[in-house]
PDB file of N, CA and C in Angstrom:
ATOM      1  N   UNK A   1      16.732  44.246 -44.787  1.00  0.00           N
ATOM      2  CA  UNK A   1      17.812  44.504 -44.561  1.00  0.00           C
ATOM      3  C   UNK A   1      18.250  42.792 -44.349  1.00  0.00           C
ATOM      4  N   UNK A   2      19.947  42.673 -44.726  1.00  0.00           N
ATOM      5  CA  UNK A   2      20.119  41.303 -44.741  1.00  0.00           C
ATOM      6  C   UNK A   2      21.274  40.516 -43.953  1.00  0.00           C
ATOM      7  N   UNK A   3      20.764  39.410 -42.957  1.00  0.00           N
ATOM      8  CA  UNK A   3      21.661  38.943 -42.046  1.00  0.00           C
ATOM      9  C   UNK A   3      22.521  37.273 -43.263  1.00  0.00           C
ATOM     10  N   UNK A   4      23.338  37.764 -42.565  1.00  0.00           N
ATOM     11  CA  UNK A   4      24.622  36.499 -42.990  1.00  0.00           C
ATOM     12  C   UNK A   4      24.246  35.326 -42.912  1.00  0.00           C
ATOM     13  N   UNK A   5      24.382  34.082 -43.142  1.00  0.00           N
ATOM     14  CA  UNK A   5      23.871  33.260 -42.287  1.00  0.00           C
ATOM     15  C   UNK A   5      25.143  32.229 -42.187  1.00  0.00           C
ATOM     16  N   UNK A   6      25.245  31.753 -40.803  1.00  0.00           N
ATOM     17  CA  UNK A   6      25.922  31.264 -39.830  1.00  0.00           C
ATOM     18  C   UNK A   6      25.750  29.784 -40.836  1.00  0.00           C
ATOM     19  N   UNK A   7      26.142  29.566 -41.815  1.00  0.00           N
ATOM     20  CA  UNK A   7      26.289  28.060 -41.924  1.00  0.00           C
ATOM     21  C   UNK A   7      27.211  27.775 -42.436  1.00  0.00           C
ATOM     22  N   UNK A   8      28.537  26.646 -41.885  1.00  0.00           N
ATOM     23  CA  UNK A   8      29.354  26.519 -42.238  1.00  0.00           C
ATOM     24  C   UNK A   8      30.501  26.947 -42.867  1.00  0.00           C
ATOM     25  N   UNK A   9      31.039  28.418 -41.661  1.00  0.00           N
ATOM     26  CA  UNK A   9      31.509  29.233 -41.759  1.00  0.00           C
ATOM     27  C   UNK A   9      32.179  29.422 -40.901  1.00  0.00           C
ATOM     28  N   UNK A  10      32.205  28.602 -39.943  1.00  0.00           N
ATOM     29  CA  UNK A  10      32.972  28.862 -38.110  1.00  0.00           C
ATOM     30  C   UNK A  10      34.629  28.348 -38.649  1.00  0.00           C
ATOM     31  N   UNK A  11      35.323  29.289 -38.253  1.00  0.00           N
ATOM     32  CA  UNK A  11      36.676  29.336 -38.687  1.00  0.00           C
ATOM     33  C   UNK A  11      37.278  28.727 -36.884  1.00  0.00           C
ATOM     34  N   UNK A  12      38.316  28.181 -36.800  1.00  0.00           N
ATOM     35  CA  UNK A  12      38.773  27.543 -35.037  1.00  0.00           C
ATOM     36  C   UNK A  12      40.304  28.203 -35.641  1.00  0.00           C
ATOM     37  N   UNK A  13      40.487  28.890 -34.788  1.00  0.00           N
ATOM     38  CA  UNK A  13      42.269  29.418 -34.414  1.00  0.00           C
ATOM     39  C   UNK A  13      42.377  28.167 -33.305  1.00  0.00           C
ATOM     40  N   UNK A  14      43.536  27.267 -34.064  1.00  0.00           N
ATOM     41  CA  UNK A  14      43.875  26.446 -32.715  1.00  0.00           C
ATOM     42  C   UNK A  14      44.770  26.304 -32.192  1.00  0.00           C
ATOM     43  N   UNK A  15      45.482  27.511 -32.640  1.00  0.00           N
ATOM     44  CA  UNK A  15      46.380  27.695 -31.724  1.00  0.00           C
ATOM     45  C   UNK A  15      46.338  28.442 -30.494  1.00  0.00           C
ATOM     46  N   UNK A  16      45.435  29.621 -30.807  1.00  0.00           N
ATOM     47  CA  UNK A  16      44.638  30.119 -29.431  1.00  0.00           C
ATOM     48  C   UNK A  16      43.893  28.766 -28.555  1.00  0.00           C
ATOM     49  N   UNK A  17      42.576  27.986 -28.839  1.00  0.00           N
ATOM     50  CA  UNK A  17      42.220  27.331 -28.859  1.00  0.00           C
ATOM     51  C   UNK A  17      42.943  26.251 -27.328  1.00  0.00           C
ATOM     52  N   UNK A  18      44.350  26.184 -27.938  1.00  0.00           N
ATOM     53  CA  UNK A  18      45.422  25.607 -26.964  1.00  0.00           C
ATOM     54  C   UNK A  18      46.365  26.365 -25.900  1.00  0.00           C
ATOM     55  N   UNK A  19      46.420  27.639 -26.087  1.00  0.00           N
ATOM     56  CA  UNK A  19      47.062  28.850 -25.315  1.00  0.00           C
ATOM     57  C   UNK A  19      45.199  29.225 -24.253  1.00  0.00           C
ATOM     58  N   UNK A  20      43.906  28.752 -24.955  1.00  0.00           N
ATOM     59  CA  UNK A  20      43.535  28.976 -23.500  1.00  0.00           C
ATOM     60  C   UNK A  20      43.540  27.760 -22.927  1.00  0.00           C
ATOM     61  N   UNK A  21      43.451  26.842 -22.903  1.00  0.00           N
ATOM     62  CA  UNK A  21      43.688  25.717 -22.886  1.00  0.00           C
ATOM     63  C   UNK A  21      44.772  25.805 -21.572  1.00  0.00           C
ATOM     64  N   UNK A  22      45.537  26.089 -21.890  1.00  0.00           N
ATOM     65  CA  UNK A  22      46.899  26.130 -20.915  1.00  0.00           C
ATOM     66  C   UNK A  22      45.983  26.971 -19.641  1.00  0.00           C
ATOM     67  N   UNK A  23      46.086  28.545 -19.806  1.00  0.00           N
ATOM     68  CA  UNK A  23      45.567  29.498 -19.739  1.00  0.00           C
ATOM     69  C   UNK A  23      44.410  28.713 -18.111  1.00  0.00           C
ATOM     70  N   UNK A  24      43.690  27.495 -18.677  1.00  0.00           N
ATOM     71  CA  UNK A  24      42.569  26.963 -17.544  1.00  0.00           C
ATOM     72  C   UNK A  24      43.700  25.894 -16.709  1.00  0.00           C
ATOM     73  N   UNK A  25      44.524  25.486 -17.113  1.00  0.00           N
ATOM     74  CA  UNK A  25      45.076  24.456 -16.443  1.00  0.00           C
ATOM     75  C   UNK A  25      46.199  24.914 -15.804  1.00  0.00           C
ATOM     76  N   UNK A  26      47.007  26.572 -15.494  1.00  0.00           N
ATOM     77  CA  UNK A  26      47.576  27.425 -14.601  1.00  0.00           C
ATOM     78  C   UNK A  26      46.305  27.412 -13.658  1.00  0.00           C
ATOM     79  N   UNK A  27      45.140  28.320 -14.352  1.00  0.00           N
ATOM     80  CA  UNK A  27      44.629  29.071 -13.185  1.00  0.00           C
ATOM     81  C   UNK A  27      43.841  27.527 -12.239  1.00  0.00           C
ATOM     82  N   UNK A  28      43.652  26.584 -12.923  1.00  0.00           N
ATOM     83  CA  UNK A  28      43.205  25.503 -12.220  1.00  0.00           C
ATOM     84  C   UNK A  28      44.384  24.765 -10.913  1.00  0.00           C
ATOM     85  N   UNK A  29      45.820  24.762 -11.288  1.00  0.00           N
ATOM     86  CA  UNK A  29      46.316  24.819 -10.210  1.00  0.00           C
ATOM     87  C   UNK A  29      46.812  25.975  -8.861  1.00  0.00           C
ATOM     88  N   UNK A  30      46.774  27.136  -9.715  1.00  0.00           N
ATOM     89  CA  UNK A  30      46.823  28.251  -9.283  1.00  0.00           C
ATOM     90  C   UNK A  30      45.802  28.134  -7.985  1.00  0.00           C
ATOM     91  N   UNK A  31      44.640  27.777  -8.191  1.00  0.00           N
ATOM     92  CA  UNK A  31      43.328  28.115  -7.104  1.00  0.00           C
ATOM     93  C   UNK A  31      43.402  26.719  -5.838  1.00  0.00           C
ATOM     94  N   UNK A  32      44.030  25.643  -6.348  1.00  0.00           N
ATOM     95  CA  UNK A  32      44.436  24.095  -5.277  1.00  0.00           C
ATOM     96  C   UNK A  32      45.932  24.876  -4.490  1.00  0.00           C
ATOM     97  N   UNK A  33      46.958  25.680  -5.720  1.00  0.00           N
ATOM     98  CA  UNK A  33      48.127  25.500  -4.768  1.00  0.00           C
ATOM     99  C   UNK A  33      47.818  25.943  -2.971  1.00  0.00           C
ATOM    100  N   UNK A  34      49.098  25.463  -2.108  1.00  0.00           N
ATOM    101  CA  UNK A  34      49.018  26.599  -1.210  1.00  0.00           C
ATOM    102  C   UNK A  34      49.646  28.010  -1.456  1.00  0.00           C
ATOM    103  N   UNK A  35      50.123  29.079  -1.003  1.00  0.00           N
ATOM    104  CA  UNK A  35      51.114  30.372  -1.051  1.00  0.00           C
ATOM    105  C   UNK A  35      50.380  31.169  -2.536  1.00  0.00           C
ATOM    106  N   UNK A  36      50.728  32.001  -1.804  1.00  0.00           N
ATOM    107  CA  UNK A  36      50.857  33.330  -2.851  1.00  0.00           C
ATOM    108  C   UNK A  36      51.461  32.731  -4.851  1.00  0.00           C
ATOM    109  N   UNK A  37      52.061  31.943  -5.501  1.00  0.00           N
ATOM    110  CA  UNK A  37      52.548  32.012  -6.190  1.00  0.00           C
ATOM    111  C   UNK A  37      53.306  30.253  -6.528  1.00  0.00           C
ATOM    112  N   UNK A  38      53.348  30.360  -7.550  1.00  0.00           N
ATOM    113  CA  UNK A  38      53.619  29.302  -7.703  1.00  0.00           C
ATOM    114  C   UNK A  38      55.054  29.194  -8.398  1.00  0.00           C
ATOM    115  N   UNK A  39      55.586  28.138  -7.984  1.00  0.00           N
ATOM    116  CA  UNK A  39      56.962  28.036  -8.547  1.00  0.00           C
ATOM    117  C   UNK A  39      57.303  27.891  -9.722  1.00  0.00           C
ATOM    118  N   UNK A  40      58.807  28.027 -10.497  1.00  0.00           N
ATOM    119  CA  UNK A  40      58.829  27.656 -12.386  1.00  0.00           C
ATOM    120  C   UNK A  40      58.284  26.618 -12.407  1.00  0.00           C
ATOM    121  N   UNK A  41      59.084  25.805 -11.329  1.00  0.00           N
ATOM    122  CA  UNK A  41      59.108  24.568 -11.663  1.00  0.00           C
ATOM    123  C   UNK A  41      58.019  23.865 -11.712  1.00  0.00           C
ATOM    124  N   UNK A  42      56.662  24.337 -11.105  1.00  0.00           N
ATOM    125  CA  UNK A  42      55.708  23.920 -10.774  1.00  0.00           C
ATOM    126  C   UNK A  42      54.511  24.204 -11.724  1.00  0.00           C
ATOM    127  N   UNK A  43      54.986  25.296 -12.589  1.00  0.00           N
ATOM    128  CA  UNK A  43      54.594  26.184 -13.665  1.00  0.00           C
ATOM    129  C   UNK A  43      54.623  24.986 -14.971  1.00  0.00           C
ATOM    130  N   UNK A  44      56.606  25.052 -15.037  1.00  0.00           N
ATOM    131  CA  UNK A  44      56.894  23.959 -16.173  1.00  0.00           C
ATOM    132  C   UNK A  44      56.000  22.274 -15.956  1.00  0.00           C
ATOM    133  N   UNK A  45      55.764  22.176 -15.074  1.00  0.00           N
ATOM    134  CA  UNK A  45      55.181  20.509 -15.065  1.00  0.00           C
ATOM    135  C   UNK A  45      53.115  21.068 -15.395  1.00  0.00           C
ATOM    136  N   UNK A  46      52.818  21.561 -15.005  1.00  0.00           N
ATOM    137  CA  UNK A  46      51.586  22.030 -15.593  1.00  0.00           C
ATOM    138  C   UNK A  46      51.462  22.185 -16.427  1.00  0.00           C
ATOM    139  N   UNK A  47      52.751  22.980 -17.228  1.00  0.00           N
ATOM    140  CA  UNK A  47      52.316  23.377 -18.788  1.00  0.00           C
ATOM    141  C   UNK A  47      52.698  22.209 -19.687  1.00  0.00           C
ATOM    142  N   UNK A  48      53.506  20.976 -19.136  1.00  0.00           N
ATOM    143  CA  UNK A  48      53.915  20.469 -19.429  1.00  0.00           C
ATOM    144  C   UNK A  48      55.465  20.630 -20.350  1.00  0.00           C
ATOM    145  N   UNK A  49      56.074  21.054 -20.173  1.00  0.00           N
ATOM    146  CA  UNK A  49      57.700  21.960 -20.807  1.00  0.00           C
ATOM    147  C   UNK A  49      58.369  20.780 -20.160  1.00  0.00           C
ATOM    148  N   UNK A  50      59.170  20.240 -21.251  1.00  0.00           N
ATOM    149  CA  UNK A  50      60.662  19.259 -20.905  1.00  0.00           C
ATOM    150  C   UNK A  50      61.421  20.542 -21.473  1.00  0.00           C
ATOM    151  N   UNK A  51      62.527  20.204 -20.892  1.00  0.00           N
ATOM    152  CA  UNK A  51      63.477  21.162 -20.825  1.00  0.00           C
ATOM    153  C   UNK A  51      64.689  20.682 -21.825  1.00  0.00           C
ATOM    154  N   UNK A  52      65.402  20.841 -22.482  1.00  0.00           N
ATOM    155  CA  UNK A  52      66.551  19.369 -23.536  1.00  0.00           C
ATOM    156  C   UNK A  52      67.390  20.627 -23.329  1.00  0.00           C
ATOM    157  N   UNK A  53      68.348  20.044 -22.882  1.00  0.00           N
ATOM    158  CA  UNK A  53      69.828  20.224 -22.365  1.00  0.00           C
ATOM    159  C   UNK A  53      70.546  20.296 -23.795  1.00  0.00           C
ATOM    160  N   UNK A  54      71.752  21.078 -23.928  1.00  0.00           N
ATOM    161  CA  UNK A  54      72.296  20.283 -25.870  1.00  0.00           C
ATOM    162  C   UNK A  54      74.089  19.908 -25.144  1.00  0.00           C
ATOM    163  N   UNK A  55      74.034  18.583 -25.308  1.00  0.00           N
ATOM    164  CA  UNK A  55      75.561  18.006 -24.726  1.00  0.00           C
ATOM    165  C   UNK A  55      76.183  18.151 -26.548  1.00  0.00           C
ATOM    166  N   UNK A  56      77.443  18.974 -25.961  1.00  0.00           N
ATOM    167  CA  UNK A  56      78.448  19.179 -27.345  1.00  0.00           C
ATOM    168  C   UNK A  56      79.499  18.370 -27.300  1.00  0.00           C
ATOM    169  N   UNK A  57      79.816  17.890 -27.929  1.00  0.00           N
ATOM    170  CA  UNK A  57      81.086  16.697 -27.860  1.00  0.00           C
ATOM    171  C   UNK A  57      82.321  16.887 -27.831  1.00  0.00           C
ATOM    172  N   UNK A  58      82.479  18.460 -27.459  1.00  0.00           N
ATOM    173  CA  UNK A  58      84.078  18.928 -27.303  1.00  0.00           C
ATOM    174  C   UNK A  58      85.025  18.868 -28.175  1.00  0.00           C
ATOM    175  N   UNK A  59      84.270  19.582 -29.479  1.00  0.00           N
ATOM    176  CA  UNK A  59      84.805  19.743 -30.810  1.00  0.00           C
ATOM    177  C   UNK A  59      85.135  18.375 -31.690  1.00  0.00           C
ATOM    178  N   UNK A  60      84.509  17.463 -31.545  1.00  0.00           N
ATOM    179  CA  UNK A  60      84.840  16.320 -32.276  1.00  0.00           C
ATOM    180  C   UNK A  60      84.265  16.203 -33.330  1.00  0.00           C
ATOM    181  N   UNK A  61      84.967  15.877 -34.615  1.00  0.00           N
ATOM    182  CA  UNK A  61      83.926  15.609 -35.556  1.00  0.00           C
ATOM    183  C   UNK A  61      84.717  17.300 -36.751  1.00  0.00           C
ATOM    184  N   UNK A  62      85.346  17.685 -36.143  1.00  0.00           N
ATOM    185  CA  UNK A  62      85.449  19.809 -36.670  1.00  0.00           C
ATOM    186  C   UNK A  62      86.134  19.325 -37.315  1.00  0.00           C
TER     187      UNK A  62
END
């Protein structure tokens, strides 16, 4: 019987690790919050979401 060696073959999925970290942050915030639900604004704050508002120039430069 052969067993595969574990040396040097570890692969990290950085996107998955980031998602797990964000989920953990949400769970911590939810456990410390008063009430049943977190507001959308508070969730954005916990996840460090920044809203970008596009400003239109009123058609200048067309």
